[in-house]
Amino acid sequence: MAPPHNRRPGFSRRAQYGLFIGYVVAVGGALVAVALLLLSTLNPPAYAVVRGAFAELVTPIASGADWTRRGISGAPGWIGSFWGVREENAKLKAELEANKTLIEHARIVTRDNRRLRALLKLRDRVADPVVAARIVYASGSSTRRFATLNAGSWQGVRPGQPVRGADGLIGRVVEVSPNTARILLVLDPESVVPVRRIRDGLPAIAAGRGDGLLEIRSASAAQVLFEPGDTFVTSGTGGLFPPNIAVAVTQERARDTAKARPTASPDMLDYALVQRAFFPEAAEISAPDKAPR
C-alpha cells in the first residue's frame, strides 16, 4: 500500500515560511484581480484612477529595465565604435605628421628661393601699357604686312614697343611720327617672335609667312612633333615682347615646322594696346631704326 502524499515541507522553518508567503501572495493577487475586475465593471471612473496610479508606480521601473536592456544590447556596437575611432584617430595623426613634413619642406623651399633671388638681385618686370590707339590701316593684300596707329611720339610711343590686342600679339612698332606709328605685324615675313608651347614649355620661333599665317619652328632639338591645337605664347626671350602673350595656334600635325594661325588678327580689330618693352635696353638694341622696305 502506497504511503499518503504529504505536502508538508518537513521541519525546516525557512521552507515553511516560504510556502506560506507564496500562498499569501497568490491569494492576495487573486483578491486584487477580483477587486479590479469588479471595480472596472461597477465603477469605471474609479478604475481609471486606480489604473493611472498603478501606471505611475510601474513606469519608472519599466523605464529603468528598458534602459538597462538597451545598454546591454548596444554594448557590442559601442565597443566596435571605440576601436573604429581609435583606428581613425591613428590615421589622422599619421596624415597630420605627413602634412607637417610637406609644410616644412615648402617653407624651406620658399626661404631658399627668397635667398637665391636676393643673391641674384632678380626683379619681376611688368610691361606697363603706353597708350590704347585705333588701328587706322592694315595691309591685308600684299606680302608685306604693316598697320598704322593714330598715336605717336607725342603719346609716348617709341620704336621697338610691342603692340597687342585683346586676343594676343599683333606686332611691334618700327616707325614713329608725332601722332602716328607704323607697326610691323607678326604676319610679315620679316617678323620673328620667340615663343613657347603652353603644354610643355617647348621653345620655338613664330615667323610670318606673308599669307595671313605663321610658321612655327622648333628652337631646340630636331624631330619635334607639333599637334593641331598647340597654343604658343611669347617666351620673353630677347627682352622685347613680354612673356605669356598669346601668339598662335597650330593647324596641322607636323614635325619641326608647322603652320599656325595668329590668335589676334589686325583686320578684325579697331583698337590696339601699345606696351613698354619687357627689357627696354634689349629693345633699343633689337629695334630697327627704319621700317623694312
Protein backbone atom coordinates (compact mmCIF):
# COMPACT_ATOMS: atom_id res chain seq x y z
CA MET A 1 0.00 0.00 0.00
CA ALA A 2 1.45 3.41 -1.10
CA PRO A 3 2.20 5.94 1.63
CA PRO A 4 -0.07 9.00 1.73
CA HIS A 5 1.19 12.08 -0.17
CA ASN A 6 2.48 14.55 2.41
CA ARG A 7 2.62 18.22 1.24
CA ARG A 8 4.41 19.48 4.30
CA PRO A 9 7.97 20.61 3.52
CA GLY A 10 9.37 18.99 6.59
CA PHE A 11 10.58 20.58 9.76
CA SER A 12 12.52 23.45 8.05
CA ARG A 13 11.02 26.75 9.18
CA ARG A 14 12.52 28.63 6.20
CA ALA A 15 10.74 26.32 3.78
CA GLN A 16 7.50 26.60 5.72
CA TYR A 17 7.67 30.41 5.74
CA GLY A 18 8.42 30.44 2.00
CA LEU A 19 5.46 28.22 1.25
CA PHE A 20 3.22 30.34 3.45
CA ILE A 21 4.29 33.59 1.81
CA GLY A 22 3.68 32.01 -1.59
CA TYR A 23 0.12 31.11 -0.61
CA VAL A 24 -0.45 34.63 0.78
CA VAL A 25 0.83 36.28 -2.41
CA ALA A 26 -1.27 34.01 -4.60
CA VAL A 27 -4.42 34.61 -2.57
CA GLY A 28 -3.72 38.37 -2.38
CA GLY A 29 -3.12 38.56 -6.13
CA ALA A 30 -6.37 36.73 -6.79
CA LEU A 31 -8.27 39.04 -4.46
CA VAL A 32 -6.74 42.14 -6.11
CA ALA A 33 -7.62 40.80 -9.54
CA VAL A 34 -11.22 40.12 -8.49
CA ALA A 35 -11.46 43.56 -6.89
CA LEU A 36 -10.14 45.27 -10.01
CA LEU A 37 -12.49 43.28 -12.22
CA LEU A 38 -15.49 44.25 -10.10
CA LEU A 39 -14.29 47.86 -9.94
CA SER A 40 -13.88 48.12 -13.71
CA THR A 41 -17.38 46.72 -14.18
CA LEU A 42 -19.24 48.61 -11.48
CA ASN A 43 -17.29 51.90 -11.31
CA PRO A 44 -15.17 52.61 -14.41
CA PRO A 45 -14.06 56.15 -13.30
CA ALA A 46 -12.65 54.79 -10.07
CA TYR A 47 -10.94 52.01 -12.00
CA ALA A 48 -9.32 54.62 -14.29
CA VAL A 49 -7.89 56.41 -11.24
CA VAL A 50 -6.50 53.15 -9.85
CA ARG A 51 -5.03 52.21 -13.22
CA GLY A 52 -3.33 55.61 -13.50
CA ALA A 53 -1.84 55.29 -10.03
CA PHE A 54 -0.56 51.80 -10.87
CA ALA A 55 0.96 53.12 -14.11
CA GLU A 56 2.75 55.88 -12.20
CA LEU A 57 4.29 53.25 -9.95
CA VAL A 58 5.26 50.82 -12.73
CA THR A 59 6.55 53.30 -15.35
CA PRO A 60 9.87 54.19 -13.63
CA ILE A 61 10.60 50.51 -13.13
CA ALA A 62 9.81 49.73 -16.78
CA SER A 63 11.92 52.65 -17.98
CA GLY A 64 14.89 51.53 -15.91
CA ALA A 65 14.55 48.00 -17.23
CA ASP A 66 14.34 49.25 -20.82
CA TRP A 67 17.43 51.48 -20.36
CA THR A 68 19.32 48.51 -18.96
CA ARG A 69 18.22 46.30 -21.86
CA ARG A 70 19.26 48.91 -24.45
CA GLY A 71 22.61 49.43 -22.75
CA ILE A 72 23.37 45.72 -22.75
CA SER A 73 22.26 45.24 -26.38
CA GLY A 74 24.25 48.28 -27.55
CA ALA A 75 27.47 47.29 -25.82
CA PRO A 76 28.92 45.43 -28.88
CA GLY A 77 28.26 48.50 -31.08
CA TRP A 78 29.95 50.80 -28.58
CA ILE A 79 32.96 48.53 -28.44
CA GLY A 80 33.18 48.43 -32.26
CA SER A 81 32.81 52.20 -32.47
CA PHE A 82 35.55 52.64 -29.90
CA TRP A 83 38.03 50.59 -31.91
CA GLY A 84 36.93 52.35 -35.14
CA VAL A 85 37.54 55.74 -33.56
CA ARG A 86 40.96 54.64 -32.39
CA GLU A 87 41.91 53.49 -35.91
CA GLU A 88 40.59 56.72 -37.46
CA ASN A 89 42.46 58.77 -34.87
CA ALA A 90 45.71 56.95 -35.65
CA LYS A 91 45.17 57.51 -39.38
CA LEU A 92 44.54 61.24 -38.89
CA LYS A 93 47.64 61.55 -36.74
CA ALA A 94 49.72 59.91 -39.48
CA GLU A 95 48.29 62.29 -42.09
CA LEU A 96 48.99 65.24 -39.82
CA GLU A 97 52.60 64.21 -39.45
CA ALA A 98 52.92 63.82 -43.23
CA ASN A 99 51.40 67.26 -43.78
CA LYS A 100 53.78 68.75 -41.26
CA THR A 101 56.67 67.33 -43.26
CA LEU A 102 55.32 68.80 -46.50
CA ILE A 103 54.74 72.18 -44.90
CA GLU A 104 58.27 72.28 -43.53
CA HIS A 105 59.64 71.32 -46.93
CA ALA A 106 57.61 74.09 -48.60
CA ARG A 107 58.87 76.60 -46.06
CA ILE A 108 62.46 75.56 -46.70
CA VAL A 109 61.98 75.87 -50.48
CA THR A 110 60.38 79.30 -50.04
CA ARG A 111 63.22 80.54 -47.87
CA ASP A 112 65.83 79.20 -50.29
CA ASN A 113 64.03 80.77 -53.25
CA ARG A 114 63.85 84.13 -51.47
CA ARG A 115 67.53 83.94 -50.57
CA LEU A 116 68.59 82.99 -54.10
CA ARG A 117 66.51 85.76 -55.63
CA ALA A 118 68.14 88.22 -53.26
CA LEU A 119 71.60 86.93 -54.19
CA LEU A 120 70.90 87.19 -57.91
CA LYS A 121 69.07 90.51 -57.43
CA LEU A 122 66.18 89.31 -59.55
CA ARG A 123 63.16 91.51 -60.03
CA ASP A 124 59.80 90.97 -61.64
CA ARG A 125 59.12 93.17 -64.61
CA VAL A 126 55.68 94.19 -65.77
CA ALA A 127 55.11 95.58 -69.26
CA ASP A 128 53.19 98.76 -68.48
CA PRO A 129 50.78 99.98 -71.14
CA VAL A 130 51.72 103.14 -73.02
CA VAL A 131 48.57 104.02 -74.90
CA ALA A 132 45.49 102.47 -76.48
CA ALA A 133 45.16 103.62 -80.08
CA ARG A 134 42.94 103.00 -83.06
CA ILE A 135 44.20 100.93 -85.98
CA VAL A 136 43.52 103.20 -88.95
CA TYR A 137 45.09 101.00 -91.61
CA ALA A 138 46.28 97.39 -92.02
CA SER A 139 47.70 95.90 -95.22
CA GLY A 140 45.92 92.67 -95.97
CA SER A 141 46.53 92.06 -99.65
CA SER A 142 50.33 92.35 -100.01
CA THR A 143 53.02 90.03 -98.77
CA ARG A 144 54.38 92.81 -96.54
CA ARG A 145 52.14 93.23 -93.53
CA PHE A 146 52.02 96.60 -91.74
CA ALA A 147 49.46 98.55 -89.74
CA THR A 148 49.15 102.18 -88.71
CA LEU A 149 48.07 103.54 -85.32
CA ASN A 150 46.71 107.03 -84.64
CA ALA A 151 49.19 107.55 -81.78
CA GLY A 152 52.84 108.52 -81.96
CA SER A 153 55.75 110.07 -80.10
CA TRP A 154 53.56 112.73 -78.54
CA GLN A 155 51.62 109.93 -76.84
CA GLY A 156 54.78 108.14 -75.65
CA VAL A 157 55.07 105.57 -78.44
CA ARG A 158 58.64 104.53 -79.27
CA PRO A 159 60.16 102.16 -81.85
CA GLY A 160 60.51 98.59 -80.57
CA GLN A 161 57.45 98.65 -78.32
CA PRO A 162 55.15 95.61 -78.65
CA VAL A 163 51.55 96.02 -79.77
CA ARG A 164 48.81 93.64 -78.76
CA GLY A 165 45.07 93.17 -78.96
CA ALA A 166 42.61 91.52 -76.63
CA ASP A 167 43.28 88.08 -78.14
CA GLY A 168 47.05 88.23 -78.48
CA LEU A 169 50.14 89.77 -80.02
CA ILE A 170 49.77 91.95 -83.15
CA GLY A 171 53.31 93.14 -83.81
CA ARG A 172 55.85 95.80 -82.83
CA VAL A 173 56.38 99.48 -83.54
CA VAL A 174 59.01 100.20 -86.23
CA GLU A 175 58.40 103.86 -87.14
CA VAL A 176 57.05 106.77 -85.13
CA SER A 177 55.86 110.24 -86.05
CA PRO A 178 54.26 112.80 -83.74
CA ASN A 179 50.72 111.35 -84.00
CA THR A 180 51.09 108.08 -85.90
CA ALA A 181 53.06 104.88 -85.57
CA ARG A 182 53.83 102.12 -88.06
CA ILE A 183 53.59 98.53 -86.86
CA LEU A 184 55.35 95.50 -88.29
CA LEU A 185 52.74 92.76 -87.90
CA VAL A 186 53.62 89.25 -86.75
CA LEU A 187 52.29 88.05 -90.13
CA ASP A 188 55.09 89.82 -92.03
CA PRO A 189 57.92 87.61 -93.35
CA GLU A 190 60.45 89.84 -91.54
CA SER A 191 58.77 89.30 -88.16
CA VAL A 192 60.34 86.81 -85.76
CA VAL A 193 58.86 86.23 -82.30
CA PRO A 194 60.36 83.90 -79.64
CA VAL A 195 57.54 81.72 -78.28
CA ARG A 196 56.99 78.64 -76.16
CA ARG A 197 54.38 75.91 -76.23
CA ILE A 198 51.99 76.09 -73.30
CA ARG A 199 51.61 72.37 -72.58
CA ASP A 200 55.31 71.60 -72.16
CA GLY A 201 57.26 74.88 -72.48
CA LEU A 202 58.90 73.87 -75.77
CA PRO A 203 60.87 76.89 -77.12
CA ALA A 204 60.09 77.83 -80.69
CA ILE A 205 60.14 80.69 -83.20
CA ALA A 206 56.98 82.18 -84.75
CA ALA A 207 57.74 83.73 -88.13
CA GLY A 208 55.37 85.40 -90.56
CA ARG A 209 54.63 83.78 -93.93
CA GLY A 210 53.11 86.77 -95.72
CA ASP A 211 49.89 84.89 -96.48
CA GLY A 212 47.99 85.53 -93.27
CA LEU A 213 49.51 82.55 -91.41
CA LEU A 214 52.51 81.94 -89.18
CA GLU A 215 55.23 79.32 -89.29
CA ILE A 216 56.25 77.70 -86.02
CA ARG A 217 59.78 76.33 -85.98
CA SER A 218 61.38 74.44 -83.12
CA ALA A 219 64.17 76.33 -81.42
CA SER A 220 65.55 73.31 -79.58
CA ALA A 221 66.26 69.76 -80.70
CA ALA A 222 65.14 68.41 -84.04
CA GLN A 223 62.37 65.87 -84.56
CA VAL A 224 59.84 67.85 -82.53
CA LEU A 225 56.25 66.85 -83.15
CA PHE A 226 53.58 69.55 -83.36
CA GLU A 227 49.93 68.65 -82.83
CA PRO A 228 46.86 70.53 -84.11
CA GLY A 229 45.67 72.97 -81.45
CA ASP A 230 49.07 73.51 -79.81
CA THR A 231 48.99 77.03 -78.37
CA PHE A 232 52.10 79.22 -78.34
CA VAL A 233 52.72 82.33 -76.24
CA THR A 234 55.60 84.78 -76.06
CA SER A 235 58.51 83.47 -74.01
CA GLY A 236 60.11 86.80 -73.08
CA THR A 237 63.39 85.76 -74.69
CA GLY A 238 65.18 88.71 -76.30
CA GLY A 239 63.67 91.26 -73.96
CA LEU A 240 61.26 92.80 -76.47
CA PHE A 241 57.94 91.02 -76.10
CA PRO A 242 56.59 90.43 -72.57
CA PRO A 243 56.05 86.76 -71.75
CA ASN A 244 52.74 84.90 -71.85
CA ILE A 245 51.03 86.86 -74.63
CA ALA A 246 49.11 84.54 -76.96
CA VAL A 247 50.62 84.38 -80.46
CA ALA A 248 49.50 81.39 -82.50
CA VAL A 249 47.67 78.04 -82.60
CA THR A 250 48.95 75.26 -84.86
CA GLN A 251 46.62 73.95 -87.55
CA GLU A 252 48.26 70.69 -88.53
CA ARG A 253 50.25 67.74 -87.30
CA ALA A 254 53.83 68.27 -88.39
CA ARG A 255 57.43 67.67 -87.41
CA ASP A 256 59.91 70.52 -86.73
CA THR A 257 57.87 73.12 -88.66
CA ALA A 258 54.11 73.68 -88.62
CA LYS A 259 51.60 76.16 -89.98
CA ALA A 260 49.67 78.18 -87.41
CA ARG A 261 47.01 80.85 -87.34
CA PRO A 262 47.52 84.02 -85.29
CA THR A 263 45.38 84.42 -82.22
CA ALA A 264 44.83 88.13 -82.98
CA SER A 265 44.12 89.47 -86.45
CA PRO A 266 44.57 93.24 -87.00
CA ASP A 267 41.97 93.11 -89.78
CA MET A 268 39.34 92.34 -87.13
CA LEU A 269 40.46 94.92 -84.55
CA ASP A 270 39.57 98.58 -84.06
CA TYR A 271 41.93 99.32 -81.18
CA ALA A 272 45.30 98.02 -80.07
CA LEU A 273 47.37 98.45 -76.92
CA VAL A 274 50.96 99.67 -77.10
CA GLN A 275 53.11 98.35 -74.23
CA ARG A 276 56.57 99.11 -72.98
CA ALA A 277 59.24 96.63 -73.98
CA PHE A 278 59.90 93.85 -71.49
CA PHE A 279 63.53 94.98 -71.15
CA PRO A 280 63.97 98.42 -72.71
CA GLU A 281 67.77 98.06 -73.00
CA ALA A 282 67.44 94.98 -75.15
CA ALA A 283 64.56 96.55 -77.08
CA GLU A 284 66.68 99.53 -78.06
CA ILE A 285 69.32 97.22 -79.46
CA SER A 286 66.94 94.89 -81.33
CA ALA A 287 64.51 97.51 -82.69
CA PRO A 288 65.38 98.65 -86.25
CA ASP A 289 65.94 102.30 -86.99
CA LYS A 290 63.79 102.20 -90.07
CA ALA A 291 60.95 100.11 -91.32
CA PRO A 292 61.76 97.34 -93.78
CA ARG A 293 61.06 98.27 -97.34
